Amino acid sequence: MPSPINLQLGWPSPRLFPAEQLAVASTATLLNPEIVKDALIYGPDLGYTALRESIAKWLSAFYFPSTGAIPKERIAITGGASQNLASILQVFSDPHATKRVWMVEPTYFLPCTIFQDAGFADRLSGVPENEHGVDIEFLRNELSGFEAEEKKGAASLKMKPSSQYSKVFSHLLYLTPTFSNPSAKTMSTSVREELLVLAREFGILIIADEVYYFLRWPAEEPTSTSVELALIPPRIVDLDRASSPAESWGNSISNGSFSKIVAPGVRVGWAEASAKMTLRLSENGATRSGGAPSHLTSTFLHHLLSTGAMQKHIDEVLIPVHQSRYKVSMNAINMHLEPLGVRITTGAPYVVPEKDNVLVPAGGFSPLDEYALKFAYGEMFVVNGDETSAERSKNGFGNGARLCWAWHEESEIQDGIERLARLLKIMLAESGKWTT
């Protein structure tokens, strides 16, 4: 039996963790009496102020928002993107007032459970992607249909008192607008702007899962020591800020995390939105009772950011390793999978091969056991409970797989893709579409 290869894991491999830098940061924090007296007590609701300031400065330098530097008032510290998604639902949704949760499909599947836990098990709907990122007309038609069918008196059924929950959205839209998981697509600026128009018209909160922005590199080898990255569209929160009154709630929230760029175990992330929204988010019951999540670890991450250690780690470790693994992945795919008719899309840190009506049937996993190979098959990325999402997947992403290069070393990635090619040949032969 060959050694197991898991191309499903979206985790960074342990050798990429900045353990030494974290040791320096923790020591500097815990041995400084002025810092430690605040670090080991309940944190402020919005999170460690110094980290909020350093995140705002860091994001401003990276994104150059058209409206100017990002103030710390737009930043709240969270326990990571998943924990914060649950907090967003606690504060800005109500199962009796929020009509629908929309998820761009194919979708990152684990948030489905978070939405179900919040009372939306029977109200999850998929929105298909297209070449621009999301099918706007489909979404508009579906939203219009729900508005037409709205039941009279629904507002009186609200579970949450309006005096405390002053902003409850009628709809929620969950998406990964840049380097989408799993499709790897990046949504165009025009579509982002159109989504904001829809959001304001129909009372939608756009929840943007944005954890991959910092892991990108030039498509071509640099010809000098000066490396210029391709421009990416402005974030939805930046477009929202630029086109909304300063005192408004806004219709979007950026859900960020240090899991991919430091380590998942630090359990620290941030939310960026209007000052009103981040303040209200910080007033959820759990935070008011226990203080901001991951407060001690937040002080370590502030040290990493403020000293430049984090950006150096991203530039000198993460990006070169991911870039090298990406190249190995693409070379192996081009050599072993493309001759079998597989189509490829790419984005950090995934590649998505598709093969019409062959790759990969759910339940047909005995070959995967034999080859000691694991990957995320297409049907995993349907929106839970939405039969139309499952049906649409049959003619598109359901015939694909997500291959992640973040966990394994280059030789293992190469081996895993070769195993997948052998498996695919068997499946094609069984379907009569391949002869050796």
Protein backbone atom coordinates (compact mmCIF):
# COMPACT_ATOMS: atom_id res chain seq x y z
CA MET A 1 0.00 0.00 0.00
CA PRO A 2 1.49 3.40 -0.98
CA SER A 3 1.75 6.14 1.63
CA PRO A 4 -1.42 8.26 1.87
CA ILE A 5 -1.61 11.50 -0.09
CA ASN A 6 -4.31 13.99 0.85
CA LEU A 7 -4.93 16.63 -1.81
CA GLN A 8 -8.15 17.64 -0.07
CA LEU A 9 -6.56 19.41 2.89
CA GLY A 10 -6.49 23.17 2.57
CA TRP A 11 -4.12 23.49 5.51
CA PRO A 12 -0.60 24.95 5.34
CA SER A 13 2.01 22.27 5.96
CA PRO A 14 3.71 22.42 9.38
CA ARG A 15 7.12 23.42 8.02
CA LEU A 16 5.54 26.67 6.84
CA PHE A 17 4.53 27.72 10.35
CA PRO A 18 6.53 30.71 11.69
CA ALA A 19 7.18 28.99 15.02
CA GLU A 20 10.42 30.84 15.77
CA GLN A 21 8.84 34.20 15.03
CA LEU A 22 5.88 33.34 17.28
CA ALA A 23 8.29 32.33 20.04
CA VAL A 24 10.01 35.72 19.79
CA ALA A 25 6.65 37.51 19.74
CA SER A 26 5.26 35.62 22.73
CA THR A 27 8.42 36.18 24.77
CA ALA A 28 8.46 39.89 23.94
CA THR A 29 4.83 40.13 25.04
CA LEU A 30 4.94 38.04 28.19
CA LEU A 31 8.14 39.61 29.51
CA ASN A 32 6.92 43.18 28.99
CA PRO A 33 5.00 44.25 32.12
CA GLU A 34 3.21 47.06 30.29
CA ILE A 35 1.87 44.71 27.62
CA VAL A 36 1.22 41.60 29.69
CA LYS A 37 -1.03 43.35 32.21
CA ASP A 38 -3.49 43.95 29.36
CA ALA A 39 -2.76 40.76 27.41
CA LEU A 40 -3.78 38.41 30.23
CA ILE A 41 -7.02 40.12 31.18
CA TYR A 42 -10.34 40.22 29.33
CA GLY A 43 -9.83 42.00 26.04
CA PRO A 44 -11.86 44.98 24.79
CA ASP A 45 -14.94 43.98 22.82
CA LEU A 46 -13.55 45.18 19.49
CA GLY A 47 -10.28 43.39 20.15
CA TYR A 48 -6.72 44.35 21.03
CA THR A 49 -6.45 47.98 19.93
CA ALA A 50 -2.81 47.77 18.85
CA LEU A 51 -3.59 44.81 16.57
CA ARG A 52 -6.60 46.60 15.08
CA GLU A 53 -4.31 49.54 14.29
CA SER A 54 -1.59 47.35 12.78
CA ILE A 55 -4.12 45.39 10.69
CA ALA A 56 -5.66 48.64 9.41
CA LYS A 57 -2.22 49.95 8.44
CA TRP A 58 -1.25 46.63 6.82
CA LEU A 59 -4.47 46.35 4.81
CA SER A 60 -4.23 49.99 3.71
CA ALA A 61 -0.72 49.42 2.34
CA PHE A 62 -1.78 46.24 0.56
CA TYR A 63 -5.10 47.32 -0.99
CA PHE A 64 -4.65 51.09 -1.43
CA PRO A 65 -8.41 51.73 -1.11
CA SER A 66 -9.64 54.68 -3.15
CA THR A 67 -11.23 56.23 -0.08
CA GLY A 68 -7.92 56.45 1.74
CA ALA A 69 -6.35 54.67 4.68
CA ILE A 70 -8.51 52.21 6.58
CA PRO A 71 -9.24 53.47 10.12
CA LYS A 72 -9.09 51.05 13.03
CA GLU A 73 -12.79 51.70 13.64
CA ARG A 74 -13.53 49.50 10.62
CA ILE A 75 -11.63 46.55 12.16
CA ALA A 76 -12.84 44.09 14.80
CA ILE A 77 -10.73 41.16 16.01
CA THR A 78 -12.31 37.72 15.69
CA GLY A 79 -11.54 34.11 16.48
CA GLY A 80 -11.02 33.35 12.79
CA ALA A 81 -13.27 33.38 9.74
CA SER A 82 -15.45 30.44 10.80
CA GLN A 83 -16.05 31.71 14.32
CA ASN A 84 -16.81 35.16 12.98
CA LEU A 85 -19.31 33.83 10.45
CA ALA A 86 -21.27 32.38 13.39
CA SER A 87 -21.05 35.74 15.17
CA ILE A 88 -22.27 37.60 12.09
CA LEU A 89 -25.32 35.35 11.98
CA GLN A 90 -25.99 35.88 15.68
CA VAL A 91 -26.00 39.64 15.29
CA PHE A 92 -27.25 40.46 11.79
CA SER A 93 -29.74 37.69 10.99
CA ASP A 94 -32.95 36.34 12.47
CA PRO A 95 -34.43 32.98 11.37
CA HIS A 96 -37.90 34.55 11.38
CA ALA A 97 -36.94 37.71 9.48
CA THR A 98 -34.04 36.72 7.21
CA LYS A 99 -35.66 35.14 4.19
CA ARG A 100 -32.76 33.35 2.54
CA VAL A 101 -29.06 32.54 2.68
CA TRP A 102 -27.47 32.56 -0.77
CA MET A 103 -24.17 30.81 -1.46
CA VAL A 104 -22.24 31.15 -4.71
CA GLU A 105 -21.77 27.66 -6.12
CA PRO A 106 -19.62 25.68 -6.18
CA THR A 107 -19.26 26.71 -2.56
CA TYR A 108 -16.90 26.02 0.28
CA PHE A 109 -19.12 23.43 1.92
CA LEU A 110 -18.32 23.66 5.65
CA PRO A 111 -20.10 27.02 6.18
CA CYS A 112 -23.33 25.25 5.25
CA THR A 113 -23.30 23.71 8.73
CA ILE A 114 -22.72 27.11 10.34
CA PHE A 115 -25.80 28.45 8.55
CA GLN A 116 -27.78 25.37 9.56
CA ASP A 117 -26.75 25.82 13.19
CA ALA A 118 -28.13 29.37 13.01
CA GLY A 119 -31.58 28.14 11.97
CA PHE A 120 -31.33 28.32 8.18
CA ALA A 121 -31.26 24.60 7.32
CA ASP A 122 -34.24 24.90 4.97
CA ARG A 123 -33.27 28.26 3.49
CA LEU A 124 -29.92 27.69 1.80
CA SER A 125 -29.86 28.40 -1.94
CA GLY A 126 -27.12 28.22 -4.52
CA VAL A 127 -26.26 30.97 -6.99
CA PRO A 128 -24.34 29.70 -10.04
CA GLU A 129 -20.97 31.11 -11.00
CA ASN A 130 -20.27 32.24 -14.53
CA GLU A 131 -17.16 33.51 -16.28
CA HIS A 132 -17.45 36.84 -14.42
CA GLY A 133 -17.83 35.26 -11.00
CA VAL A 134 -21.57 35.06 -10.28
CA ASP A 135 -24.76 34.99 -12.35
CA ILE A 136 -26.29 38.36 -11.44
CA GLU A 137 -29.47 37.86 -13.47
CA PHE A 138 -30.14 34.51 -11.81
CA LEU A 139 -29.75 36.10 -8.38
CA ARG A 140 -31.97 39.07 -9.23
CA ASN A 141 -34.73 36.81 -10.54
CA GLU A 142 -34.59 34.60 -7.46
CA LEU A 143 -34.64 37.58 -5.11
CA SER A 144 -37.59 39.11 -6.94
CA GLY A 145 -39.44 35.82 -6.60
CA PHE A 146 -38.92 35.74 -2.86
CA GLU A 147 -40.07 39.33 -2.49
CA ALA A 148 -43.27 38.48 -4.36
CA GLU A 149 -43.97 35.51 -2.08
CA GLU A 150 -43.22 37.28 1.19
CA LYS A 151 -45.76 36.32 3.82
CA LYS A 152 -47.75 39.03 5.51
CA GLY A 153 -46.94 39.56 9.15
CA ALA A 154 -43.53 37.89 9.01
CA ALA A 155 -41.87 40.86 10.68
CA SER A 156 -43.96 40.31 13.83
CA LEU A 157 -42.32 36.91 14.29
CA LYS A 158 -38.85 38.33 14.92
CA MET A 159 -36.98 36.39 17.59
CA LYS A 160 -34.61 39.23 18.48
CA PRO A 161 -35.68 42.55 20.05
CA SER A 162 -35.16 45.46 17.68
CA SER A 163 -33.89 47.60 20.56
CA GLN A 164 -30.83 45.36 20.78
CA TYR A 165 -30.61 44.00 17.22
CA SER A 166 -31.02 47.24 15.33
CA LYS A 167 -29.91 45.84 11.95
CA VAL A 168 -31.24 42.50 10.73
CA PHE A 169 -30.75 41.80 7.02
CA SER A 170 -33.45 40.29 4.80
CA HIS A 171 -30.96 38.14 2.90
CA LEU A 172 -27.39 36.93 3.32
CA LEU A 173 -24.96 36.23 0.48
CA TYR A 174 -21.86 34.16 1.19
CA LEU A 175 -19.03 34.15 -1.35
CA THR A 176 -15.29 34.07 -1.89
CA PRO A 177 -14.86 36.86 -4.46
CA THR A 178 -11.11 36.46 -5.01
CA PHE A 179 -9.47 33.05 -5.63
CA SER A 180 -12.76 31.38 -4.89
CA ASN A 181 -12.77 28.12 -2.98
CA PRO A 182 -13.11 25.80 -4.84
CA SER A 183 -13.41 27.19 -8.37
CA ALA A 184 -10.37 29.51 -8.07
CA LYS A 185 -12.23 32.26 -9.97
CA THR A 186 -11.93 35.97 -9.21
CA MET A 187 -15.04 38.08 -9.54
CA SER A 188 -14.81 41.11 -11.84
CA THR A 189 -15.13 44.66 -10.55
CA SER A 190 -18.36 45.24 -12.48
CA VAL A 191 -20.00 42.20 -10.90
CA ARG A 192 -18.92 43.35 -7.43
CA GLU A 193 -20.54 46.71 -8.13
CA GLU A 194 -23.72 45.06 -9.42
CA LEU A 195 -23.88 42.90 -6.29
CA LEU A 196 -23.81 46.02 -4.14
CA VAL A 197 -26.70 47.48 -6.14
CA LEU A 198 -28.70 44.30 -5.51
CA ALA A 199 -27.68 44.28 -1.85
CA ARG A 200 -29.03 47.77 -1.28
CA GLU A 201 -32.22 47.05 -3.21
CA PHE A 202 -33.07 43.79 -1.43
CA GLY A 203 -31.49 44.25 2.00
CA ILE A 204 -28.62 41.78 1.56
CA LEU A 205 -25.56 41.45 3.74
CA ILE A 206 -22.65 40.30 1.56
CA ILE A 207 -20.26 38.14 3.59
CA ALA A 208 -16.97 37.97 1.71
CA ASP A 209 -14.63 35.16 2.78
CA GLU A 210 -11.22 36.72 2.08
CA VAL A 211 -8.35 34.59 3.34
CA TYR A 212 -6.28 34.09 0.15
CA TYR A 213 -5.52 37.64 -1.04
CA PHE A 214 -1.99 37.67 0.34
CA LEU A 215 -0.97 34.39 -1.29
CA ARG A 216 -0.38 35.45 -4.88
CA TRP A 217 2.57 35.80 -7.21
CA PRO A 218 3.42 36.82 -10.79
CA ALA A 219 2.07 34.48 -13.44
CA GLU A 220 5.42 34.69 -15.25
CA GLU A 221 8.96 34.47 -13.91
CA PRO A 222 10.21 37.95 -12.94
CA THR A 223 12.83 39.41 -15.28
CA SER A 224 14.39 41.59 -12.58
CA THR A 225 14.54 41.95 -8.82
CA SER A 226 11.43 44.12 -8.99
CA VAL A 227 8.37 41.89 -8.88
CA GLU A 228 5.02 43.40 -9.83
CA LEU A 229 1.88 41.48 -9.01
CA ALA A 230 -1.12 41.56 -11.28
CA LEU A 231 -3.85 43.93 -10.17
CA ILE A 232 -6.83 42.37 -8.44
CA PRO A 233 -10.27 43.99 -8.30
CA PRO A 234 -11.07 46.20 -5.32
CA ARG A 235 -12.71 44.39 -2.45
CA ILE A 236 -16.46 44.61 -2.08
CA VAL A 237 -16.05 46.36 1.30
CA ASP A 238 -13.89 49.02 -0.37
CA LEU A 239 -16.47 49.59 -3.11
CA ASP A 240 -19.20 49.68 -0.46
CA ARG A 241 -17.28 52.24 1.60
CA ALA A 242 -16.64 54.41 -1.45
CA SER A 243 -20.32 54.54 -2.44
CA SER A 244 -22.06 54.69 0.97
CA PRO A 245 -22.61 57.57 3.39
CA ALA A 246 -20.00 57.62 6.13
CA GLU A 247 -22.52 56.89 8.89
CA SER A 248 -24.37 54.08 7.11
CA TRP A 249 -24.34 50.41 8.05
CA GLY A 250 -23.19 49.36 4.61
CA ASN A 251 -24.07 46.03 3.02
CA SER A 252 -20.83 44.08 3.20
CA ILE A 253 -18.34 42.59 5.59
CA SER A 254 -14.88 41.22 4.83
CA ASN A 255 -14.06 38.10 6.83
CA GLY A 256 -10.29 37.75 7.19
CA SER A 257 -8.06 35.24 8.95
CA PHE A 258 -4.43 34.56 9.84
CA SER A 259 -4.97 30.81 9.43
CA LYS A 260 -3.43 30.60 5.96
CA ILE A 261 -0.63 33.13 6.48
CA VAL A 262 0.48 32.32 10.03
CA ALA A 263 -1.11 29.07 11.25
CA PRO A 264 -4.65 27.77 11.80
CA GLY A 265 -3.97 27.18 15.48
CA VAL A 266 -3.55 30.87 16.30
CA ARG A 267 -7.34 31.24 15.91
CA VAL A 268 -7.21 34.95 15.16
CA GLY A 269 -8.93 36.79 12.36
CA TRP A 270 -10.52 40.14 11.70
CA ALA A 271 -13.70 41.59 10.32
CA GLU A 272 -13.69 44.75 8.24
CA ALA A 273 -16.89 46.66 7.62
CA SER A 274 -18.44 50.03 8.43
CA ALA A 275 -17.67 51.35 11.90
CA LYS A 276 -21.33 50.83 12.87
CA MET A 277 -21.23 47.22 11.77
CA THR A 278 -17.96 46.26 13.47
CA LEU A 279 -19.08 47.94 16.69
CA ARG A 280 -22.38 46.05 16.65
CA LEU A 281 -20.57 42.81 15.80
CA SER A 282 -18.37 43.27 18.87
CA GLU A 283 -21.47 43.60 21.06
CA ASN A 284 -22.66 40.02 20.61
CA GLY A 285 -23.43 38.28 23.87
CA ALA A 286 -20.40 35.99 24.00
CA THR A 287 -17.99 38.88 23.45
CA ARG A 288 -19.69 41.16 25.95
CA SER A 289 -19.43 38.39 28.53
CA GLY A 290 -15.94 37.08 27.80
CA GLY A 291 -14.17 39.82 25.90
CA ALA A 292 -12.72 39.64 22.40
CA PRO A 293 -11.75 36.14 21.27
CA SER A 294 -8.11 35.02 21.12
CA HIS A 295 -6.97 38.09 23.04
CA LEU A 296 -3.56 36.83 24.20
CA THR A 297 -2.70 35.46 20.75
CA SER A 298 -3.71 38.82 19.28
CA THR A 299 -0.84 40.45 21.15
CA PHE A 300 1.60 38.00 19.53
CA LEU A 301 0.24 38.73 16.07
CA HIS A 302 0.51 42.46 16.64
CA HIS A 303 4.22 41.93 17.32
CA LEU A 304 4.58 39.95 14.06
CA LEU A 305 2.83 42.66 12.07
CA SER A 306 4.40 45.71 13.68
CA THR A 307 7.97 44.37 13.38
CA GLY A 308 7.51 43.30 9.75
CA ALA A 309 8.12 39.64 10.64
CA MET A 310 4.79 38.51 9.23
CA GLN A 311 5.19 40.21 5.86
CA LYS A 312 8.74 38.89 5.62
CA HIS A 313 7.43 35.37 6.29
CA ILE A 314 4.79 35.78 3.58
CA ASP A 315 7.28 37.16 1.05
CA GLU A 316 10.25 34.89 1.77
CA VAL A 317 8.61 31.61 2.82
CA LEU A 318 4.95 31.25 1.94
CA ILE A 319 4.86 32.73 -1.54
CA PRO A 320 8.03 31.00 -2.85
CA VAL A 321 6.92 27.61 -1.49
CA HIS A 322 3.35 27.95 -2.75
CA GLN A 323 4.59 29.17 -6.12
CA SER A 324 6.94 26.20 -6.45
CA ARG A 325 4.25 23.72 -5.44
CA TYR A 326 1.82 25.34 -7.85
CA LYS A 327 4.28 24.90 -10.72
CA VAL A 328 4.82 21.25 -9.83
CA SER A 329 1.05 20.76 -9.69
CA MET A 330 0.46 22.39 -13.06
CA ASN A 331 3.32 20.54 -14.76
CA ALA A 332 2.02 17.22 -13.46
CA ILE A 333 -1.54 18.05 -14.48
CA ASN A 334 -0.46 19.15 -17.94
CA MET A 335 1.53 15.96 -18.39
CA HIS A 336 -0.81 13.39 -16.86
CA LEU A 337 -4.38 14.76 -16.74
CA GLU A 338 -4.81 17.09 -19.71
CA PRO A 339 -4.17 14.26 -22.22
CA LEU A 340 -7.21 12.57 -20.66
CA GLY A 341 -9.41 15.54 -21.57
CA VAL A 342 -9.36 17.26 -18.21
CA ARG A 343 -9.97 21.04 -18.10
CA ILE A 344 -8.16 23.14 -15.50
CA THR A 345 -8.81 26.32 -13.53
CA THR A 346 -6.29 27.57 -10.98
CA GLY A 347 -6.06 29.85 -7.98
CA ALA A 348 -4.30 29.99 -4.63
CA PRO A 349 -4.02 27.33 -3.32
CA TYR A 350 -6.15 25.06 -5.53
CA VAL A 351 -6.39 23.61 -8.99
CA VAL A 352 -9.74 22.37 -10.25
CA PRO A 353 -9.75 19.70 -12.93
CA GLU A 354 -13.05 18.80 -14.63
CA LYS A 355 -13.89 15.86 -16.86
CA ASP A 356 -17.38 15.58 -18.31
CA ASN A 357 -19.47 12.86 -16.68
CA VAL A 358 -16.50 10.94 -15.31
CA LEU A 359 -14.73 12.68 -12.44
CA VAL A 360 -15.74 11.81 -9.74
CA PRO A 361 -18.84 9.82 -8.74
CA ALA A 362 -19.72 10.05 -5.05
CA GLY A 363 -19.67 6.65 -3.44
CA GLY A 364 -17.25 5.12 -5.96
CA PHE A 365 -14.27 5.30 -3.63
CA SER A 366 -12.76 1.80 -3.60
CA PRO A 367 -10.13 2.91 -6.18
CA LEU A 368 -9.31 5.87 -3.93
CA ASP A 369 -8.66 3.47 -1.07
CA GLU A 370 -6.50 1.32 -3.32
CA TYR A 371 -4.45 4.30 -4.45
CA ALA A 372 -4.28 5.86 -0.94
CA LEU A 373 -5.42 9.12 -2.47
CA LYS A 374 -7.85 11.68 -1.14
CA PHE A 375 -9.19 14.81 -2.81
CA ALA A 376 -12.31 16.96 -2.70
CA TYR A 377 -14.71 15.67 -5.34
CA GLY A 378 -17.10 18.03 -7.10
CA GLU A 379 -20.34 16.97 -5.45
CA MET A 380 -18.97 18.11 -2.09
CA PHE A 381 -19.38 21.73 -3.20
CA VAL A 382 -23.14 21.80 -3.72
CA VAL A 383 -25.23 23.95 -1.39
CA ASN A 384 -26.67 21.67 1.28
CA GLY A 385 -30.41 21.19 1.00
CA ASP A 386 -30.75 22.92 -2.37
CA GLU A 387 -31.86 20.28 -4.86
CA THR A 388 -31.39 22.68 -7.77
CA SER A 389 -27.75 23.19 -6.77
CA ALA A 390 -27.20 19.43 -6.83
CA GLU A 391 -28.90 19.22 -10.22
CA ARG A 392 -26.79 22.04 -11.69
CA SER A 393 -23.63 20.36 -10.44
CA LYS A 394 -24.24 17.38 -12.71
CA ASN A 395 -23.45 19.47 -15.78
CA GLY A 396 -20.48 21.32 -14.34
CA PHE A 397 -18.54 21.38 -11.12
CA GLY A 398 -19.96 18.05 -9.96
CA ASN A 399 -17.73 16.40 -12.56
CA GLY A 400 -14.61 18.01 -11.13
CA ALA A 401 -12.30 17.81 -8.17
CA ARG A 402 -10.38 20.28 -6.04
CA LEU A 403 -6.68 19.53 -5.67
CA CYS A 404 -4.84 21.50 -2.99
CA TRP A 405 -1.06 21.86 -3.00
CA ALA A 406 -0.75 23.56 0.42
CA TRP A 407 -0.20 20.48 2.61
CA HIS A 408 2.18 18.18 0.73
CA GLU A 409 5.73 18.56 -0.49
CA GLU A 410 6.47 18.70 -4.21
CA SER A 411 7.31 15.01 -4.68
CA GLU A 412 4.08 14.00 -2.95
CA ILE A 413 2.04 16.39 -5.09
CA GLN A 414 3.60 14.92 -8.23
CA ASP A 415 2.92 11.38 -7.00
CA GLY A 416 -0.67 12.22 -6.05
CA ILE A 417 -1.51 13.62 -9.47
CA GLU A 418 0.05 10.59 -11.16
CA ARG A 419 -2.13 8.35 -8.99
CA LEU A 420 -5.17 10.39 -9.95
CA ALA A 421 -4.32 9.98 -13.64
CA ARG A 422 -4.11 6.20 -13.23
CA LEU A 423 -7.43 6.20 -11.43
CA LEU A 424 -9.05 8.35 -14.09
CA LYS A 425 -7.83 6.02 -16.84
CA ILE A 426 -9.52 3.13 -15.05
CA MET A 427 -12.77 5.06 -14.74
CA LEU A 428 -12.63 6.12 -18.40
CA ALA A 429 -11.95 2.54 -19.47
CA GLU A 430 -14.91 1.30 -17.44
CA SER A 431 -17.11 3.90 -19.11
CA GLY A 432 -15.81 2.96 -22.56
CA LYS A 433 -14.18 6.36 -23.13
CA TRP A 434 -10.53 5.30 -22.93
CA THR A 435 -8.43 2.56 -24.41
CA THR A 436 -4.83 1.83 -23.45
